[in-house]
Protein backbone atom coordinates (compact mmCIF):
# COMPACT_ATOMS: atom_id res chain seq x y z
CA MET A 1 117.71 106.97 97.73
CA ALA A 2 115.35 107.78 100.56
CA GLY A 3 114.63 106.15 103.89
CA ALA A 4 115.24 102.48 104.44
CA LEU A 5 115.31 101.49 100.79
CA THR A 6 116.56 97.95 100.65
CA ARG A 7 117.28 97.45 96.96
CA TRP A 8 115.55 97.83 93.63
CA GLY A 9 116.24 95.00 91.21
CA ILE A 10 116.05 96.28 87.67
CA ALA A 11 114.22 93.60 85.69
CA ALA A 12 114.09 95.05 82.18
CA LEU A 13 117.61 96.46 82.28
CA GLY A 14 119.44 93.48 83.81
CA LEU A 15 120.93 95.51 86.70
CA MET A 16 122.66 97.86 84.27
CA PRO A 17 122.82 101.57 85.15
CA VAL A 18 119.83 103.51 83.87
CA PRO A 19 120.68 106.21 81.32
CA ALA A 20 119.76 109.85 81.99
CA THR A 21 116.89 109.62 79.51
CA ALA A 22 114.62 106.97 80.90
CA ALA A 23 113.85 103.89 78.88
CA PRO A 24 110.89 101.65 79.64
CA GLY A 25 111.67 99.36 82.52
CA SER A 26 110.63 97.96 85.84
CA GLY A 27 111.93 97.45 89.34
CA VAL A 28 111.03 95.70 92.56
CA ALA A 29 111.73 96.83 96.13
CA GLU A 30 111.48 94.73 99.27
CA VAL A 31 110.27 96.79 102.23
CA PRO A 32 111.16 95.95 105.86
CA ALA A 33 108.40 94.34 107.94
CA LEU A 34 106.20 96.51 110.14
CA ARG A 35 106.05 95.69 113.83
CA GLY A 36 102.30 95.99 113.71
CA ALA A 37 99.25 97.80 112.51
CA VAL A 38 97.57 99.10 115.63
CA VAL A 39 94.13 100.16 116.79
CA GLY A 40 93.15 103.76 116.16
CA ARG A 41 96.00 105.00 113.98
CA ALA A 42 97.69 104.39 110.67
CA VAL A 43 101.25 103.10 110.50
CA TYR A 44 103.58 103.64 107.56
CA GLY A 45 106.20 101.36 106.04
CA ALA A 46 109.67 102.53 105.06
CA ALA A 47 109.81 104.90 102.11
CA VAL A 48 111.28 103.53 98.90
CA THR A 49 112.39 105.64 95.96
CA PRO A 50 112.55 104.16 92.45
CA PRO A 51 116.03 103.93 90.92
CA PRO A 52 117.55 107.07 89.36
CA GLY A 53 116.43 107.56 85.78
CA ALA A 54 113.12 105.71 86.11
CA GLY A 55 110.57 107.20 83.73
CA VAL A 56 106.94 108.05 84.27
CA PRO A 57 105.25 105.41 86.49
CA HIS A 58 102.84 103.27 84.48
CA ARG A 59 101.80 100.29 86.67
CA ILE A 60 102.36 99.52 90.32
CA GLY A 61 102.18 96.15 92.04
CA TRP A 62 102.22 95.29 95.71
CA ARG A 63 102.39 92.36 98.05
CA TYR A 64 102.28 91.95 101.82
CA THR A 65 101.22 89.32 104.33
CA SER A 66 99.49 90.04 107.61
CA ALA A 67 99.91 87.58 110.47
CA GLY A 68 97.10 85.06 110.20
CA HIS A 69 96.01 86.81 106.98
CA ARG A 70 93.95 89.17 109.09
CA ARG A 71 92.13 91.88 107.20
CA LEU A 72 93.78 95.30 107.18
CA ASP A 73 92.91 98.65 105.66
CA ALA A 74 95.89 99.19 103.35
CA TRP A 75 97.06 101.94 101.01
CA LEU A 76 100.04 102.69 98.81
CA CYS A 77 101.04 106.33 99.16
CA GLN A 78 103.15 108.93 97.42
CA ARG A 79 103.38 112.12 99.45
CA GLN A 80 99.83 112.68 100.76
CA HIS A 81 98.10 110.87 97.85
CA CYS A 82 97.13 107.37 99.00
CA VAL A 83 95.43 104.69 96.90
CA PRO A 84 93.43 101.99 98.71
CA LEU A 85 94.69 98.44 98.11
CA GLN A 86 92.27 95.58 97.55
CA GLY A 87 93.87 92.65 99.33
CA GLU A 88 97.36 91.41 100.12
CA ARG A 89 98.54 91.50 96.51
CA GLY A 90 97.59 93.15 93.27
CA ARG A 91 98.39 95.63 90.51
CA LEU A 92 96.97 98.98 89.49
CA ALA A 93 97.56 101.76 87.00
CA ALA A 94 99.83 104.42 88.48
CA PRO A 95 97.70 107.34 89.64
CA ARG A 96 97.93 110.50 87.54
CA GLY A 97 100.56 112.81 88.95
CA TRP A 98 102.71 110.15 90.64
CA ARG A 99 106.40 110.61 89.90
CA ALA A 100 109.28 108.16 89.62
CA ASP A 101 111.57 110.38 91.69
CA THR A 102 109.25 110.54 94.71
CA PRO A 103 109.19 107.85 97.45
CA LEU A 104 106.37 105.33 97.81
CA ARG A 105 105.26 103.78 101.09
CA PHE A 106 102.66 101.42 102.47
CA ARG A 107 100.10 102.64 105.00
CA PHE A 108 98.09 100.24 107.20
CA ARG A 109 95.32 100.57 109.75
CA LEU A 110 93.24 98.01 111.59
CA PRO A 111 89.63 98.06 110.40
CA PRO A 112 86.83 98.96 112.81
CA GLY A 113 86.15 96.22 115.34
CA GLU A 114 89.71 94.83 115.35
CA THR A 115 91.46 95.22 118.69
CA ARG A 116 94.78 93.35 118.43
CA ALA A 117 97.87 94.69 116.69
CA VAL A 118 99.06 92.67 113.70
CA GLN A 119 102.54 92.08 112.22
CA VAL A 120 102.89 92.84 108.49
CA ASN A 121 105.62 90.97 106.57
CA GLY A 122 106.74 90.30 103.02
CA LEU A 123 106.15 93.87 101.87
CA ARG A 124 107.07 94.40 98.24
CA ILE A 125 106.44 97.16 95.70
CA SER A 126 106.94 96.69 91.96
CA LEU A 127 106.94 99.55 89.49
CA GLU A 128 106.77 99.66 85.70
CA TRP A 129 107.71 102.90 84.00
CA ARG A 130 107.75 104.35 80.50
């Protein structure tokens, strides 16, 4: 498992090991808080890799909270392919080409006009696979 992966909880499989041939399932990973999105540059959260044996990503969910619920430009990324997120929580179809064996990470940037860094907490990624 890559980076600062905290732990994936396997919902559909009841924390049982995943067989070599992936069955449909889902998992959730808590991501450590970011010290702050800052002016003029993007910051990335810790990389999380889905559990071994996860199949093809189908749906992805996210959640985060910015201090004071300040607006942030936010993305969920796999390698260099980043998908813009609409708000502090939501779900989307997994982008074509995303893989279950490749880490995911949040990316944040302050929008134009914002000048104070902001703490980002409660980061969570959920993944459904087939």
